[in-house]
Protein backbone atom coordinates (compact mmCIF):
# COMPACT_ATOMS: atom_id res chain seq x y z
CA MET A 1 -18.47 -21.78 -13.97
CA ILE A 2 -18.59 -19.43 -17.27
CA ARG A 3 -18.98 -16.49 -14.89
CA ILE A 4 -15.93 -17.40 -12.72
CA LEU A 5 -13.67 -17.94 -15.63
CA ARG A 6 -15.00 -14.47 -17.29
CA ILE A 7 -13.99 -12.60 -13.57
CA SER A 8 -10.91 -14.43 -13.34
CA GLN A 9 -9.87 -13.23 -16.70
CA ARG A 10 -10.66 -9.56 -15.88
CA TYR A 11 -8.89 -10.05 -12.91
CA THR A 12 -5.99 -11.19 -14.72
CA ARG A 13 -6.39 -8.31 -17.14
CA SER A 14 -6.28 -6.33 -14.07
CA PHE A 15 -3.61 -7.50 -12.53
CA ARG A 16 -1.18 -4.97 -13.19
CA ILE A 17 -3.02 -2.39 -11.98
CA LEU A 18 -2.70 -0.99 -8.72
CA ALA A 19 -4.49 1.09 -6.14
CA ARG A 20 -2.59 4.26 -5.94
CA GLU A 21 -1.86 6.71 -3.25
CA SER A 22 -5.40 8.74 -3.58
CA ARG A 23 -6.56 5.18 -2.99
CA PHE A 24 -0.19 2.82 1.10
CA GLY A 25 0.39 5.48 -0.38
CA GLY A 26 1.25 5.92 -0.42
CA ARG A 27 2.65 2.99 -0.15
CA VAL A 28 1.31 2.70 1.24
CA LEU A 29 -0.31 2.62 1.02
CA LEU A 30 -0.15 7.68 1.75
CA ALA A 31 1.49 10.97 2.10
CA LYS A 32 4.51 10.39 0.10
CA GLY A 33 6.39 13.43 -0.80
CA VAL A 34 6.28 14.18 3.24
CA PRO A 35 10.00 14.15 4.18
CA VAL A 36 11.12 11.03 6.23
CA GLY A 37 11.94 13.09 9.13
CA GLN A 38 8.52 13.96 9.27
CA GLN A 39 7.25 10.39 9.18
CA PHE A 40 7.29 6.92 9.99
CA LEU A 41 5.91 4.68 7.27
CA GLN A 42 3.88 7.17 5.28
CA VAL A 43 3.06 4.13 3.02
CA SER A 44 0.95 4.35 -0.17
CA ALA A 45 -2.49 2.34 0.14
CA VAL A 46 -2.18 -0.08 -2.72
CA PHE A 47 -3.67 -3.69 -3.72
CA LEU A 48 -3.50 -6.18 -6.39
CA VAL A 49 -7.23 -7.90 -7.45
CA PRO A 50 -7.76 -11.04 -5.92
CA THR A 51 -6.24 -14.28 -7.44
CA VAL A 52 -8.09 -17.28 -8.66
CA GLN A 53 -7.79 -18.94 -5.35
CA ALA A 54 -8.65 -15.75 -3.38
CA LEU A 55 -11.77 -15.67 -5.59
CA GLY A 56 -12.23 -19.67 -4.62
CA ALA A 57 -12.20 -19.12 -1.19
CA THR A 58 -14.88 -15.61 -1.97
CA ARG A 59 -17.38 -18.51 -3.28
CA LYS A 60 -17.03 -20.45 -0.01
CA ASN A 61 -17.46 -17.57 2.17
CA MET A 62 -20.73 -16.21 -0.15
CA ALA A 63 -22.24 -19.82 0.30
CA ALA A 64 -21.63 -19.19 3.94
CA SER A 65 -22.78 -15.93 4.55
CA GLY A 66 -25.82 -16.21 1.87
CA ASP A 67 -24.35 -12.77 0.47
CA ASP A 68 -23.57 -12.03 -2.93
CA VAL A 69 -19.78 -11.55 -2.52
CA VAL A 70 -18.24 -12.04 -6.07
CA SER A 71 -21.29 -9.13 -7.40
CA ILE A 72 -20.12 -6.74 -4.06
CA THR A 73 -16.24 -6.95 -4.63
CA THR A 74 -16.24 -7.13 -8.18
CA GLN A 75 -18.31 -3.79 -8.40
CA ALA A 76 -15.61 -2.26 -6.01
CA ASP A 77 -12.42 -3.56 -7.69
CA GLU A 78 -13.97 -1.47 -10.78
CA LEU A 79 -14.90 1.71 -9.17
CA TYR A 80 -11.43 1.39 -7.63
CA LEU A 81 -9.64 1.10 -10.82
CA GLN A 82 -12.08 4.10 -12.19
CA ASN A 83 -10.54 6.20 -9.14
CA SER A 84 -14.29 6.96 -8.13
CA VAL A 85 -12.98 7.44 -4.59
CA ASP A 86 -16.21 8.79 -3.18
CA GLU A 87 -18.73 6.56 -5.38
CA LEU A 88 -16.53 3.43 -3.99
CA TYR A 89 -16.84 4.73 -0.40
CA GLU A 90 -20.44 4.58 -1.02
CA HIS A 91 -20.71 1.49 -2.48
CA MET A 92 -18.51 -0.23 0.69
CA LYS A 93 -19.87 1.36 3.64
CA LYS A 94 -23.43 -0.64 3.19
CA PHE A 95 -21.61 -3.55 3.81
CA SER A 96 -19.83 -2.25 7.39
CA ASP A 97 -21.54 -5.02 9.15
CA SER A 98 -20.38 -7.91 6.90
CA SER A 99 -18.27 -10.63 8.48
CA ASP A 100 -16.27 -11.69 5.25
CA ALA A 101 -12.64 -11.05 4.75
CA GLU A 102 -12.95 -10.04 0.84
CA ILE A 103 -15.41 -7.22 1.82
CA LEU A 104 -13.88 -5.91 4.89
CA TRP A 105 -10.26 -5.27 3.57
CA ARG A 106 -11.94 -3.49 0.55
CA LEU A 107 -14.07 -1.55 2.79
CA ALA A 108 -10.77 -0.78 4.75
CA ARG A 109 -9.16 0.51 1.16
CA ALA A 110 -12.24 2.25 0.33
CA THR A 111 -12.65 4.01 4.00
CA CYS A 112 -8.97 4.53 3.59
CA ASP A 113 -8.99 6.72 0.01
CA LYS A 114 -11.78 8.38 1.35
CA ALA A 115 -9.99 9.56 4.40
CA LYS A 116 -7.05 10.75 2.27
CA SER A 117 -9.43 12.70 0.02
CA SER A 118 -10.67 14.60 2.88
CA SER A 119 -9.42 18.10 3.61
CA ASP A 120 -11.16 18.23 6.99
CA LYS A 121 -8.70 17.02 9.44
CA THR A 122 -10.97 15.59 12.03
CA GLN A 123 -12.81 13.63 9.23
CA ARG A 124 -9.72 12.38 8.21
CA LYS A 125 -8.91 10.99 11.53
CA GLU A 126 -12.41 9.61 12.31
CA LEU A 127 -12.18 7.70 8.99
CA MET A 128 -8.47 6.51 9.12
CA TYR A 129 -9.82 4.77 12.53
CA ASP A 130 -12.97 3.39 10.77
CA ALA A 131 -10.26 1.92 7.99
CA PHE A 132 -7.99 0.42 10.60
CA HIS A 133 -11.01 -1.10 12.60
CA ALA A 134 -12.46 -2.78 9.14
CA ALA A 135 -8.68 -4.05 8.62
CA GLU A 136 -8.92 -5.42 12.21
CA ARG A 137 -11.96 -7.03 11.66
CA ALA A 138 -10.58 -8.41 7.90
CA ILE A 139 -7.80 -10.13 9.34
CA LYS A 140 -9.67 -11.78 12.13
CA ALA A 141 -12.00 -13.01 9.22
CA GLY A 142 -9.41 -13.97 6.60
CA ASP A 143 -5.91 -14.44 8.63
CA SER A 144 -5.25 -16.59 5.49
CA ASN A 145 -5.85 -13.59 2.95
CA PHE A 146 -2.67 -12.11 1.97
CA ALA A 147 -4.75 -8.88 1.05
CA CYS A 148 -6.03 -8.64 5.10
CA HIS A 149 -2.68 -8.77 6.12
CA LYS A 150 -1.27 -5.92 4.01
CA TRP A 151 -3.98 -3.73 4.69
CA TYR A 152 -3.87 -4.40 7.99
CA ALA A 153 0.00 -3.30 8.36
CA ILE A 154 -1.05 0.02 6.27
CA MET A 155 -3.84 0.88 8.38
CA LEU A 156 -1.81 0.36 11.53
CA ASP A 157 0.70 2.83 10.27
CA TYR A 158 -1.86 5.30 9.62
CA VAL A 159 -3.57 5.29 12.91
CA GLY A 160 0.17 5.73 14.26
CA GLU A 161 0.44 9.33 12.82
CA TYR A 162 -2.31 10.28 15.75
CA GLU A 163 -0.49 8.27 18.10
CA GLY A 164 2.74 9.58 18.02
CA THR A 165 6.07 8.58 16.84
CA LYS A 166 7.05 6.33 19.83
CA GLU A 167 3.39 4.46 19.13
CA ARG A 168 4.57 4.27 15.40
CA ILE A 169 7.70 2.87 16.07
CA SER A 170 6.56 0.51 18.65
CA ASN A 171 4.38 -1.20 15.87
CA ALA A 172 7.50 -1.08 13.46
CA PHE A 173 7.86 -4.85 13.95
CA LYS A 174 4.37 -6.09 13.58
CA ILE A 175 3.76 -3.91 10.42
CA LYS A 176 6.85 -5.73 8.90
CA GLU A 177 5.48 -8.89 10.03
CA HIS A 178 1.98 -8.52 8.43
CA PHE A 179 3.78 -7.44 5.36
CA LEU A 180 6.10 -10.68 5.16
CA LYS A 181 3.05 -12.83 5.82
CA ALA A 182 1.22 -11.04 2.95
CA ILE A 183 4.26 -11.74 0.76
CA GLU A 184 4.51 -15.63 2.04
CA LEU A 185 0.83 -15.74 1.29
CA ASN A 186 1.21 -14.51 -2.33
CA PRO A 187 4.89 -14.05 -3.28
CA LYS A 188 3.37 -12.96 -6.67
CA ASP A 189 1.99 -9.39 -5.38
CA ALA A 190 4.29 -6.75 -6.20
CA THR A 191 2.93 -4.33 -4.47
CA SER A 192 3.54 -5.99 -0.71
CA VAL A 193 7.24 -6.59 -2.13
CA HIS A 194 7.36 -2.97 -2.56
CA LEU A 195 5.49 -2.19 0.77
CA LEU A 196 8.47 -4.10 2.45
CA GLY A 197 11.29 -2.32 0.67
CA TYR A 198 9.54 0.94 1.57
CA TRP A 199 9.55 0.02 5.15
CA CYS A 200 13.17 -0.47 4.91
CA PHE A 201 13.97 2.54 3.20
CA VAL A 202 12.64 4.23 5.74
CA PHE A 203 14.69 2.51 8.76
CA ALA A 204 17.50 2.98 6.42
CA ASP A 205 16.87 6.75 5.91
CA MET A 206 15.98 7.68 9.36
CA PRO A 207 17.29 10.14 11.41
CA TRP A 208 19.52 10.34 14.20
CA TYR A 209 16.78 11.50 16.60
CA GLN A 210 14.27 9.24 15.43
CA LYS A 211 16.80 6.31 16.24
CA LYS A 212 17.51 7.78 19.30
CA ALA A 213 13.43 7.43 20.28
CA ALA A 214 13.40 3.82 18.64
CA SER A 215 16.08 2.76 21.14
CA VAL A 216 14.33 4.15 23.95
CA VAL A 217 11.49 1.73 22.83
CA PHE A 218 13.35 -1.31 22.06
CA ALA A 219 16.39 -2.92 23.25
CA THR A 220 17.31 -3.78 19.48
CA PRO A 221 15.13 -0.98 17.30
CA PRO A 222 14.16 -2.20 13.97
CA THR A 223 16.81 -1.25 11.32
CA SER A 224 17.67 -1.80 7.78
CA SER A 225 19.70 -0.66 4.90
CA TYR A 226 19.35 0.91 1.60
CA GLN A 227 20.91 -2.37 -0.03
CA GLU A 228 18.10 -4.10 1.49
CA ALA A 229 15.27 -1.61 0.39
CA LEU A 230 17.01 -1.67 -3.00
CA ASP A 231 16.63 -5.50 -3.11
CA ASN A 232 13.30 -5.33 -2.44
CA PHE A 233 12.38 -2.30 -4.87
CA LEU A 234 13.91 -4.28 -7.69
CA LYS A 235 12.07 -7.89 -6.92
CA ALA A 236 8.59 -6.40 -7.06
CA GLU A 237 9.91 -4.64 -10.37
CA ALA A 238 10.87 -7.74 -11.52
CA ILE A 239 7.40 -9.49 -10.36
CA ASP A 240 5.80 -6.96 -12.44
CA PRO A 241 7.61 -4.73 -14.64
CA GLY A 242 6.53 -1.28 -14.77
CA PHE A 243 3.65 -1.81 -12.37
CA TYR A 244 3.61 1.69 -10.44
CA SER A 245 5.15 4.90 -10.55
CA SER A 246 6.18 4.94 -6.96
CA ASN A 247 8.62 1.68 -6.97
CA LEU A 248 10.42 3.14 -10.22
CA MET A 249 10.87 6.59 -8.08
CA MET A 250 12.00 4.62 -4.81
CA ILE A 251 14.27 2.65 -7.00
CA GLY A 252 15.67 6.05 -8.50
CA LYS A 253 15.46 7.52 -5.20
CA THR A 254 17.53 4.73 -2.99
CA TYR A 255 20.16 4.52 -5.76
CA LEU A 256 20.85 8.16 -5.53
CA ARG A 257 21.22 7.71 -1.53
CA MET A 258 23.52 4.92 -2.08
CA LYS A 259 25.68 7.31 -4.77
CA ASP A 260 24.96 5.37 -7.86
CA ASN A 261 24.07 8.63 -9.85
CA GLU A 262 23.62 6.77 -13.09
CA GLN A 263 21.55 3.95 -11.87
CA ALA A 264 19.38 6.64 -10.27
CA LYS A 265 18.64 8.64 -13.28
CA LEU A 266 17.70 5.89 -15.20
CA TYR A 267 14.75 4.87 -13.36
CA LEU A 268 13.91 8.63 -12.24
CA ILE A 269 13.70 9.36 -15.90
CA LYS A 270 10.94 5.80 -16.03
CA ALA A 271 9.30 7.54 -13.10
CA ARG A 272 8.96 10.74 -14.10
CA ASP A 273 7.87 9.73 -17.78
CA TYR A 274 5.25 7.32 -16.41
CA PRO A 275 1.89 8.35 -17.22
CA VAL A 276 -0.03 10.52 -14.73
CA ARG A 277 -3.39 9.11 -14.09
CA THR A 278 -3.61 9.30 -10.33
CA GLU A 279 -2.70 11.65 -7.33
CA ASP A 280 0.08 9.28 -6.16
CA ASP A 281 1.60 9.21 -10.15
CA LYS A 282 1.51 13.15 -9.34
CA LYS A 283 3.88 13.12 -6.60
CA ALA A 284 5.89 10.42 -8.12
CA HIS A 285 6.13 12.34 -11.12
CA GLN A 286 7.12 15.77 -9.33
CA GLU A 287 9.65 13.72 -6.71
CA ALA A 288 11.18 12.52 -9.70
CA ILE A 289 11.77 15.98 -11.54
CA ASP A 290 13.02 17.58 -8.53
CA MET A 291 15.67 14.40 -8.01
CA LEU A 292 16.65 14.50 -11.71
CA HIS A 293 17.37 18.54 -11.32
CA SER A 294 19.56 18.14 -8.55
CA LEU A 295 21.20 15.63 -10.81
CA GLY A 296 21.60 18.15 -13.41
CA VAL A 297 18.70 16.56 -15.85
CA LYS A 298 16.26 18.82 -16.90
């Protein structure tokens, strides 16, 4: 009981710390910084550490599997927060045969991070598919686990990069469905709300030729608005203020699209001044600077 309390306290202290791009998005999860016209949903791969309720579920799974799930996942989360991409991947791949949902979604996360850190295109692709298969297994093992739904949605889009625009668009409703399920299971997960906002932004910002492609795939293609995207970004910020540099940047970017330059400046300055610790922070920082320059702010 004492150990569980200590772990829970550690999770509470870490609750504001997110997985960044080098770990949807990112997004996601994430090649943020790629023009929207060249992507469907380049989300930053992001997560929040488990709640106490999720930890209780882990204890149950550990008893059922005989594995020390808490020890494995605690070490994984510590490595993740340290941005130790290679060490985390080596740690998690040792448990690739696990059937535990808490291990499998972390395996997907670690493998995705490893893929994004690779400069070898072939290796990146192979690792992305490995991460997707881990996420598939995770959601089968833990359909009531919000992180499994979030990571399945993230990886579904990442593998869509390799299967063409039509396939990515055809997955759009499924991706949104799993983000919504993640939010339903854990309404306090700011990152899931952010990812839903990013989904909305992508479709609001989609160029005409991609909208035309979407109309071929669906009789009623997915649509959204900048207002819907903004509502989700602001909601994520209200849940956990200052939790993610990319959320601040996307609020500013959305205000800019909506021609509210004063509000755009306010949030872009916050994103610019956010401490840069990860690759995702670097990208949000640079994009904020570029947009501020376009507004005449040095």
